[in-house]
Each structure stands twice: as C-alpha cells, then as structure tokens.
Amino acid sequence: MKWFWIVLVALLAAGVGTYARYQSLDPCVWLKKDMMKTSGMPAIWVETHIKARFLLDGITEPTATECLRGWWSFRAEELAENGKIE
C-alpha cells in the first residue's frame, strides 16, 4: 500500500509541474509553446509549421497521442542540436 501512495504522489507532482509550466495538460499546447520559445517566431508561424509537419505525415487533425509523439520528437531534436544527446 505504501508504493501506491508514493506513485500517486509522484503522478500528482508531475501533473502539477506540467500544468505550472504550460498552463495546460494538452500536448498540442506543449508543442506549440516549446516551438515558440525556441524559435522566437510568432504563434501563427509556429501553428502553420506544426500543421505542415503533421500534414507531411498524413495527419489532418492530430490527436493528443500524436501531439505527444510530435512533442517528444521535437524535444529530442532540440536536445540533439544542443549537444545534450547523441
């Protein structure tokens, strides 16, 4: 029972931390905000870039899962460019 509470508290802390950083629990918002932060481009350009990126993969209306995969991919590319991973 002790592990249940530890896992529950960890999940709650992760959710609160994510919400505090992005003001949303939607991965599509995370992707947009992180791309705006790193590129310095206005929101309309970032949204267009994201839509084009998904369209190249044949996705017209991305789901939360697809946005999460896109966010992971973007973060991995960003870390690779900064030399933090190989």
PDB file of N, CA and C in Angstrom:
ATOM      1  N   MET A   1       0.830  -1.196   0.000  1.00  0.00           N
ATOM      2  CA  MET A   1       0.000   0.000   0.000  1.00  0.00           C
ATOM      3  C   MET A   1       0.873   1.257   0.000  1.00  0.00           C
ATOM      4  N   LYS A   2       2.055   1.147   0.592  1.00  0.00           N
ATOM      5  CA  LYS A   2       2.965   2.283   0.659  1.00  0.00           C
ATOM      6  C   LYS A   2       3.373   2.727  -0.751  1.00  0.00           C
ATOM      7  N   TRP A   3       3.622   1.753  -1.653  1.00  0.00           N
ATOM      8  CA  TRP A   3       4.029   2.078  -3.022  1.00  0.00           C
ATOM      9  C   TRP A   3       2.915   2.788  -3.781  1.00  0.00           C
ATOM     10  N   PHE A   4       1.695   2.424  -3.487  1.00  0.00           N
ATOM     11  CA  PHE A   4       0.556   3.086  -4.132  1.00  0.00           C
ATOM     12  C   PHE A   4       0.580   4.579  -3.852  1.00  0.00           C
ATOM     13  N   TRP A   5       0.779   4.958  -2.611  1.00  0.00           N
ATOM     14  CA  TRP A   5       0.790   6.368  -2.242  1.00  0.00           C
ATOM     15  C   TRP A   5       2.002   7.096  -2.826  1.00  0.00           C
ATOM     16  N   ILE A   6       3.130   6.421  -2.891  1.00  0.00           N
ATOM     17  CA  ILE A   6       4.323   7.028  -3.478  1.00  0.00           C
ATOM     18  C   ILE A   6       4.094   7.309  -4.968  1.00  0.00           C
ATOM     19  N   VAL A   7       3.541   6.334  -5.674  1.00  0.00           N
ATOM     20  CA  VAL A   7       3.258   6.503  -7.103  1.00  0.00           C
ATOM     21  C   VAL A   7       2.195   7.582  -7.309  1.00  0.00           C
ATOM     22  N   LEU A   8       1.166   7.576  -6.494  1.00  0.00           N
ATOM     23  CA  LEU A   8       0.108   8.572  -6.603  1.00  0.00           C
ATOM     24  C   LEU A   8       0.646   9.983  -6.398  1.00  0.00           C
ATOM     25  N   VAL A   9       1.474  10.175  -5.393  1.00  0.00           N
ATOM     26  CA  VAL A   9       2.068  11.489  -5.122  1.00  0.00           C
ATOM     27  C   VAL A   9       2.991  11.899  -6.270  1.00  0.00           C
ATOM     28  N   ALA A  10       3.769  10.950  -6.816  1.00  0.00           N
ATOM     29  CA  ALA A  10       4.667  11.256  -7.932  1.00  0.00           C
ATOM     30  C   ALA A  10       3.866  11.681  -9.166  1.00  0.00           C
ATOM     31  N   LEU A  11       2.778  10.971  -9.464  1.00  0.00           N
ATOM     32  CA  LEU A  11       1.933  11.340 -10.603  1.00  0.00           C
ATOM     33  C   LEU A  11       1.280  12.703 -10.410  1.00  0.00           C
ATOM     34  N   LEU A  12       0.833  12.967  -9.210  1.00  0.00           N
ATOM     35  CA  LEU A  12       0.228  14.252  -8.905  1.00  0.00           C
ATOM     36  C   LEU A  12       1.250  15.375  -9.051  1.00  0.00           C
ATOM     37  N   ALA A  13       2.463  15.154  -8.551  1.00  0.00           N
ATOM     38  CA  ALA A  13       3.516  16.160  -8.669  1.00  0.00           C
ATOM     39  C   ALA A  13       3.879  16.410 -10.130  1.00  0.00           C
ATOM     40  N   ALA A  14       3.938  15.349 -10.929  1.00  0.00           N
ATOM     41  CA  ALA A  14       4.236  15.502 -12.359  1.00  0.00           C
ATOM     42  C   ALA A  14       3.132  16.287 -13.056  1.00  0.00           C
ATOM     43  N   GLY A  15       1.900  16.004 -12.738  1.00  0.00           N
ATOM     44  CA  GLY A  15       0.776  16.728 -13.339  1.00  0.00           C
ATOM     45  C   GLY A  15       0.771  18.195 -12.956  1.00  0.00           C
ATOM     46  N   VAL A  16       1.007  18.481 -11.691  1.00  0.00           N
ATOM     47  CA  VAL A  16       1.035  19.870 -11.221  1.00  0.00           C
ATOM     48  C   VAL A  16       2.218  20.613 -11.857  1.00  0.00           C
ATOM     49  N   GLY A  17       3.365  19.952 -11.936  1.00  0.00           N
ATOM     50  CA  GLY A  17       4.543  20.578 -12.549  1.00  0.00           C
ATOM     51  C   GLY A  17       4.325  20.875 -14.020  1.00  0.00           C
ATOM     52  N   THR A  18       3.724  19.943 -14.723  1.00  0.00           N
ATOM     53  CA  THR A  18       3.435  20.149 -16.147  1.00  0.00           C
ATOM     54  C   THR A  18       2.441  21.284 -16.333  1.00  0.00           C
ATOM     55  N   TYR A  19       1.406  21.308 -15.518  1.00  0.00           N
ATOM     56  CA  TYR A  19       0.410  22.376 -15.627  1.00  0.00           C
ATOM     57  C   TYR A  19       1.027  23.733 -15.285  1.00  0.00           C
ATOM     58  N   ALA A  20       1.907  23.757 -14.304  1.00  0.00           N
ATOM     59  CA  ALA A  20       2.552  25.015 -13.929  1.00  0.00           C
ATOM     60  C   ALA A  20       3.433  25.541 -15.063  1.00  0.00           C
ATOM     61  N   ARG A  21       4.077  24.647 -15.792  1.00  0.00           N
ATOM     62  CA  ARG A  21       4.966  25.077 -16.872  1.00  0.00           C
ATOM     63  C   ARG A  21       4.200  25.521 -18.119  1.00  0.00           C
ATOM     64  N   TYR A  22       3.168  24.776 -18.495  1.00  0.00           N
ATOM     65  CA  TYR A  22       2.477  25.027 -19.760  1.00  0.00           C
ATOM     66  C   TYR A  22       1.074  25.614 -19.611  1.00  0.00           C
ATOM     67  N   GLN A  23       0.537  25.699 -18.416  1.00  0.00           N
ATOM     68  CA  GLN A  23      -0.830  26.133 -18.159  1.00  0.00           C
ATOM     69  C   GLN A  23      -1.843  25.284 -18.920  1.00  0.00           C
ATOM     70  N   SER A  24      -1.468  24.032 -19.183  1.00  0.00           N
ATOM     71  CA  SER A  24      -2.347  23.115 -19.902  1.00  0.00           C
ATOM     72  C   SER A  24      -1.827  21.694 -19.744  1.00  0.00           C
ATOM     73  N   LEU A  25      -2.717  20.745 -19.869  1.00  0.00           N
ATOM     74  CA  LEU A  25      -2.313  19.343 -19.885  1.00  0.00           C
ATOM     75  C   LEU A  25      -2.448  18.757 -21.297  1.00  0.00           C
ATOM     76  N   ASP A  26      -2.619  19.618 -22.296  1.00  0.00           N
ATOM     77  CA  ASP A  26      -2.762  19.211 -23.686  1.00  0.00           C
ATOM     78  C   ASP A  26      -1.389  19.206 -24.365  1.00  0.00           C
ATOM     79  N   PRO A  27      -0.920  18.065 -24.872  1.00  0.00           N
ATOM     80  CA  PRO A  27       0.397  18.008 -25.511  1.00  0.00           C
ATOM     81  C   PRO A  27       0.518  18.889 -26.750  1.00  0.00           C
ATOM     82  N   CYS A  28      -0.599  19.203 -27.416  1.00  0.00           N
ATOM     83  CA  CYS A  28      -0.536  20.099 -28.574  1.00  0.00           C
ATOM     84  C   CYS A  28      -0.127  21.510 -28.130  1.00  0.00           C
ATOM     85  N   VAL A  29      -0.580  21.910 -26.960  1.00  0.00           N
ATOM     86  CA  VAL A  29      -0.189  23.211 -26.406  1.00  0.00           C
ATOM     87  C   VAL A  29       1.286  23.184 -26.016  1.00  0.00           C
ATOM     88  N   TRP A  30       1.752  22.064 -25.456  1.00  0.00           N
ATOM     89  CA  TRP A  30       3.166  21.950 -25.080  1.00  0.00           C
ATOM     90  C   TRP A  30       4.050  22.130 -26.301  1.00  0.00           C
ATOM     91  N   LEU A  31       3.676  21.447 -27.391  1.00  0.00           N
ATOM     92  CA  LEU A  31       4.452  21.514 -28.624  1.00  0.00           C
ATOM     93  C   LEU A  31       4.509  22.949 -29.141  1.00  0.00           C
ATOM     94  N   LYS A  32       3.369  23.610 -29.173  1.00  0.00           N
ATOM     95  CA  LYS A  32       3.306  24.986 -29.664  1.00  0.00           C
ATOM     96  C   LYS A  32       4.149  25.916 -28.795  1.00  0.00           C
ATOM     97  N   LYS A  33       4.005  25.822 -27.478  1.00  0.00           N
ATOM     98  CA  LYS A  33       4.738  26.718 -26.585  1.00  0.00           C
ATOM     99  C   LYS A  33       6.245  26.488 -26.653  1.00  0.00           C
ATOM    100  N   ASP A  34       6.662  25.227 -26.709  1.00  0.00           N
ATOM    101  CA  ASP A  34       8.097  24.949 -26.791  1.00  0.00           C
ATOM    102  C   ASP A  34       8.679  25.412 -28.118  1.00  0.00           C
ATOM    103  N   MET A  35       7.931  25.234 -29.214  1.00  0.00           N
ATOM    104  CA  MET A  35       8.418  25.693 -30.514  1.00  0.00           C
ATOM    105  C   MET A  35       8.487  27.215 -30.563  1.00  0.00           C
ATOM    106  N   MET A  36       7.527  27.886 -29.968  1.00  0.00           N
ATOM    107  CA  MET A  36       7.562  29.350 -29.927  1.00  0.00           C
ATOM    108  C   MET A  36       8.751  29.831 -29.109  1.00  0.00           C
ATOM    109  N   LYS A  37       9.011  29.155 -28.008  1.00  0.00           N
ATOM    110  CA  LYS A  37      10.109  29.552 -27.124  1.00  0.00           C
ATOM    111  C   LYS A  37      11.463  29.392 -27.812  1.00  0.00           C
ATOM    112  N   THR A  38      11.682  28.265 -28.478  1.00  0.00           N
ATOM    113  CA  THR A  38      12.993  28.010 -29.068  1.00  0.00           C
ATOM    114  C   THR A  38      13.204  28.760 -30.380  1.00  0.00           C
ATOM    115  N   SER A  39      12.137  28.976 -31.143  1.00  0.00           N
ATOM    116  CA  SER A  39      12.307  29.624 -32.451  1.00  0.00           C
ATOM    117  C   SER A  39      12.202  31.137 -32.369  1.00  0.00           C
ATOM    118  N   GLY A  40      11.435  31.635 -31.418  1.00  0.00           N
ATOM    119  CA  GLY A  40      11.219  33.075 -31.321  1.00  0.00           C
ATOM    120  C   GLY A  40      10.243  33.599 -32.371  1.00  0.00           C
ATOM    121  N   MET A  41       9.597  32.693 -33.097  1.00  0.00           N
ATOM    122  CA  MET A  41       8.639  33.093 -34.133  1.00  0.00           C
ATOM    123  C   MET A  41       7.269  33.339 -33.509  1.00  0.00           C
ATOM    124  N   PRO A  42       6.430  34.150 -34.187  1.00  0.00           N
ATOM    125  CA  PRO A  42       5.077  34.381 -33.665  1.00  0.00           C
ATOM    126  C   PRO A  42       4.229  33.114 -33.720  1.00  0.00           C
ATOM    127  N   ALA A  43       3.166  33.129 -32.949  1.00  0.00           N
ATOM    128  CA  ALA A  43       2.301  31.951 -32.805  1.00  0.00           C
ATOM    129  C   ALA A  43       1.753  31.465 -34.140  1.00  0.00           C
ATOM    130  N   ILE A  44       1.370  32.378 -35.031  1.00  0.00           N
ATOM    131  CA  ILE A  44       0.767  31.961 -36.303  1.00  0.00           C
ATOM    132  C   ILE A  44       1.757  31.167 -37.147  1.00  0.00           C
ATOM    133  N   TRP A  45       3.029  31.545 -37.122  1.00  0.00           N
ATOM    134  CA  TRP A  45       4.046  30.818 -37.888  1.00  0.00           C
ATOM    135  C   TRP A  45       4.296  29.446 -37.283  1.00  0.00           C
ATOM    136  N   VAL A  46       4.310  29.384 -35.979  1.00  0.00           N
ATOM    137  CA  VAL A  46       4.533  28.101 -35.300  1.00  0.00           C
ATOM    138  C   VAL A  46       3.362  27.160 -35.560  1.00  0.00           C
ATOM    139  N   GLU A  47       2.142  27.665 -35.472  1.00  0.00           N
ATOM    140  CA  GLU A  47       0.962  26.835 -35.745  1.00  0.00           C
ATOM    141  C   GLU A  47       0.983  26.312 -37.172  1.00  0.00           C
ATOM    142  N   THR A  48       1.375  27.163 -38.120  1.00  0.00           N
ATOM    143  CA  THR A  48       1.469  26.747 -39.516  1.00  0.00           C
ATOM    144  C   THR A  48       2.533  25.673 -39.691  1.00  0.00           C
ATOM    145  N   HIS A  49       3.656  25.843 -39.028  1.00  0.00           N
ATOM    146  CA  HIS A  49       4.737  24.854 -39.098  1.00  0.00           C
ATOM    147  C   HIS A  49       4.284  23.510 -38.523  1.00  0.00           C
ATOM    148  N   ILE A  50       3.590  23.550 -37.412  1.00  0.00           N
ATOM    149  CA  ILE A  50       3.108  22.317 -36.781  1.00  0.00           C
ATOM    150  C   ILE A  50       2.104  21.615 -37.693  1.00  0.00           C
ATOM    151  N   LYS A  51       1.160  22.374 -38.241  1.00  0.00           N
ATOM    152  CA  LYS A  51       0.164  21.771 -39.133  1.00  0.00           C
ATOM    153  C   LYS A  51       0.830  21.160 -40.362  1.00  0.00           C
ATOM    154  N   ALA A  52       1.819  21.870 -40.922  1.00  0.00           N
ATOM    155  CA  ALA A  52       2.528  21.350 -42.093  1.00  0.00           C
ATOM    156  C   ALA A  52       3.293  20.083 -41.741  1.00  0.00           C
ATOM    157  N   ARG A  53       3.891  20.074 -40.579  1.00  0.00           N
ATOM    158  CA  ARG A  53       4.647  18.895 -40.132  1.00  0.00           C
ATOM    159  C   ARG A  53       3.729  17.679 -40.006  1.00  0.00           C
ATOM    160  N   PHE A  54       2.557  17.881 -39.441  1.00  0.00           N
ATOM    161  CA  PHE A  54       1.606  16.784 -39.314  1.00  0.00           C
ATOM    162  C   PHE A  54       1.049  16.373 -40.675  1.00  0.00           C
ATOM    163  N   LEU A  55       0.790  17.353 -41.551  1.00  0.00           N
ATOM    164  CA  LEU A  55       0.266  17.029 -42.877  1.00  0.00           C
ATOM    165  C   LEU A  55       1.255  16.182 -43.673  1.00  0.00           C
ATOM    166  N   LEU A  56       2.546  16.425 -43.496  1.00  0.00           N
ATOM    167  CA  LEU A  56       3.544  15.609 -44.184  1.00  0.00           C
ATOM    168  C   LEU A  56       3.478  14.149 -43.731  1.00  0.00           C
ATOM    169  N   ASP A  57       2.989  13.931 -42.525  1.00  0.00           N
ATOM    170  CA  ASP A  57       2.812  12.573 -42.011  1.00  0.00           C
ATOM    171  C   ASP A  57       1.411  12.029 -42.309  1.00  0.00           C
ATOM    172  N   GLY A  58       0.600  12.818 -43.016  1.00  0.00           N
ATOM    173  CA  GLY A  58      -0.755  12.383 -43.367  1.00  0.00           C
ATOM    174  C   GLY A  58      -1.765  12.580 -42.259  1.00  0.00           C
ATOM    175  N   ILE A  59      -1.478  13.462 -41.323  1.00  0.00           N
ATOM    176  CA  ILE A  59      -2.373  13.705 -40.183  1.00  0.00           C
ATOM    177  C   ILE A  59      -3.016  15.073 -40.363  1.00  0.00           C
ATOM    178  N   THR A  60      -4.336  15.098 -40.516  1.00  0.00           N
ATOM    179  CA  THR A  60      -5.026  16.375 -40.703  1.00  0.00           C
ATOM    180  C   THR A  60      -5.512  16.974 -39.388  1.00  0.00           C
ATOM    181  N   GLU A  61      -5.963  16.143 -38.487  1.00  0.00           N
ATOM    182  CA  GLU A  61      -6.410  16.583 -37.165  1.00  0.00           C
ATOM    183  C   GLU A  61      -5.674  15.757 -36.106  1.00  0.00           C
ATOM    184  N   PRO A  62      -4.568  16.273 -35.574  1.00  0.00           N
ATOM    185  CA  PRO A  62      -3.789  15.471 -34.623  1.00  0.00           C
ATOM    186  C   PRO A  62      -4.529  15.233 -33.309  1.00  0.00           C
ATOM    187  N   THR A  63      -4.406  14.011 -32.823  1.00  0.00           N
ATOM    188  CA  THR A  63      -4.966  13.663 -31.515  1.00  0.00           C
ATOM    189  C   THR A  63      -3.940  14.012 -30.444  1.00  0.00           C
ATOM    190  N   ALA A  64      -4.323  13.862 -29.195  1.00  0.00           N
ATOM    191  CA  ALA A  64      -3.395  14.138 -28.098  1.00  0.00           C
ATOM    192  C   ALA A  64      -2.188  13.205 -28.169  1.00  0.00           C
ATOM    193  N   THR A  65      -2.401  11.958 -28.545  1.00  0.00           N
ATOM    194  CA  THR A  65      -1.298  10.999 -28.658  1.00  0.00           C
ATOM    195  C   THR A  65      -0.331  11.417 -29.755  1.00  0.00           C
ATOM    196  N   GLU A  66      -0.856  11.851 -30.885  1.00  0.00           N
ATOM    197  CA  GLU A  66       0.005  12.287 -31.983  1.00  0.00           C
ATOM    198  C   GLU A  66       0.773  13.555 -31.614  1.00  0.00           C
ATOM    199  N   CYS A  67       0.113  14.462 -30.908  1.00  0.00           N
ATOM    200  CA  CYS A  67       0.802  15.671 -30.446  1.00  0.00           C
ATOM    201  C   CYS A  67       1.890  15.318 -29.438  1.00  0.00           C
ATOM    202  N   LEU A  68       1.616  14.345 -28.577  1.00  0.00           N
ATOM    203  CA  LEU A  68       2.615  13.922 -27.606  1.00  0.00           C
ATOM    204  C   LEU A  68       3.840  13.342 -28.312  1.00  0.00           C
ATOM    205  N   ARG A  69       3.601  12.509 -29.336  1.00  0.00           N
ATOM    206  CA  ARG A  69       4.722  11.968 -30.122  1.00  0.00           C
ATOM    207  C   ARG A  69       5.485  13.086 -30.816  1.00  0.00           C
ATOM    208  N   GLY A  70       4.768  14.070 -31.359  1.00  0.00           N
ATOM    209  CA  GLY A  70       5.403  15.214 -32.003  1.00  0.00           C
ATOM    210  C   GLY A  70       6.221  16.026 -31.021  1.00  0.00           C
ATOM    211  N   TRP A  71       5.705  16.199 -29.805  1.00  0.00           N
ATOM    212  CA  TRP A  71       6.418  16.945 -28.772  1.00  0.00           C
ATOM    213  C   TRP A  71       7.693  16.209 -28.362  1.00  0.00           C
ATOM    214  N   TRP A  72       7.584  14.877 -28.190  1.00  0.00           N
ATOM    215  CA  TRP A  72       8.772  14.081 -27.853  1.00  0.00           C
ATOM    216  C   TRP A  72       9.815  14.195 -28.952  1.00  0.00           C
ATOM    217  N   SER A  73       9.374  14.104 -30.191  1.00  0.00           N
ATOM    218  CA  SER A  73      10.280  14.202 -31.334  1.00  0.00           C
ATOM    219  C   SER A  73      10.958  15.572 -31.367  1.00  0.00           C
ATOM    220  N   PHE A  74      10.173  16.622 -31.167  1.00  0.00           N
ATOM    221  CA  PHE A  74      10.726  17.977 -31.160  1.00  0.00           C
ATOM    222  C   PHE A  74      11.742  18.154 -30.045  1.00  0.00           C
ATOM    223  N   ARG A  75      11.399  17.673 -28.857  1.00  0.00           N
ATOM    224  CA  ARG A  75      12.322  17.803 -27.714  1.00  0.00           C
ATOM    225  C   ARG A  75      13.612  17.025 -27.961  1.00  0.00           C
ATOM    226  N   ALA A  76      13.512  15.833 -28.563  1.00  0.00           N
ATOM    227  CA  ALA A  76      14.700  15.033 -28.870  1.00  0.00           C
ATOM    228  C   ALA A  76      15.575  15.750 -29.894  1.00  0.00           C
ATOM    229  N   GLU A  77      14.947  16.339 -30.924  1.00  0.00           N
ATOM    230  CA  GLU A  77      15.710  17.091 -31.922  1.00  0.00           C
ATOM    231  C   GLU A  77      16.396  18.290 -31.281  1.00  0.00           C
ATOM    232  N   GLU A  78      15.685  18.977 -30.405  1.00  0.00           N
ATOM    233  CA  GLU A  78      16.231  20.151 -29.723  1.00  0.00           C
ATOM    234  C   GLU A  78      17.430  19.766 -28.858  1.00  0.00           C
ATOM    235  N   LEU A  79      17.312  18.666 -28.122  1.00  0.00           N
ATOM    236  CA  LEU A  79      18.416  18.211 -27.289  1.00  0.00           C
ATOM    237  C   LEU A  79      19.608  17.778 -28.138  1.00  0.00           C
ATOM    238  N   ALA A  80      19.348  17.130 -29.264  1.00  0.00           N
ATOM    239  CA  ALA A  80      20.428  16.701 -30.151  1.00  0.00           C
ATOM    240  C   ALA A  80      21.156  17.906 -30.741  1.00  0.00           C
ATOM    241  N   GLU A  81      20.403  18.941 -31.113  1.00  0.00           N
ATOM    242  CA  GLU A  81      21.022  20.147 -31.668  1.00  0.00           C
ATOM    243  C   GLU A  81      21.879  20.867 -30.632  1.00  0.00           C
ATOM    244  N   ASN A  82      21.471  20.812 -29.393  1.00  0.00           N
ATOM    245  CA  ASN A  82      22.223  21.482 -28.329  1.00  0.00           C
ATOM    246  C   ASN A  82      23.366  20.621 -27.814  1.00  0.00           C
ATOM    247  N   GLY A  83      23.519  19.429 -28.381  1.00  0.00           N
ATOM    248  CA  GLY A  83      24.615  18.546 -27.980  1.00  0.00           C
ATOM    249  C   GLY A  83      24.415  17.840 -26.661  1.00  0.00           C
ATOM    250  N   LYS A  84      23.184  17.789 -26.174  1.00  0.00           N
ATOM    251  CA  LYS A  84      22.917  17.134 -24.890  1.00  0.00           C
ATOM    252  C   LYS A  84      22.696  15.641 -25.034  1.00  0.00           C
ATOM    253  N   ILE A  85      22.335  15.197 -26.267  1.00  0.00           N
ATOM    254  CA  ILE A  85      22.245  13.759 -26.551  1.00  0.00           C
ATOM    255  C   ILE A  85      22.857  13.517 -27.917  1.00  0.00           C
ATOM    256  N   GLU A  86      23.218  12.298 -28.172  1.00  0.00           N
ATOM    257  CA  GLU A  86      23.822  11.962 -29.466  1.00  0.00           C
ATOM    258  C   GLU A  86      22.938  11.021 -30.233  1.00  0.00           C
TER     259      GLU A  86
END
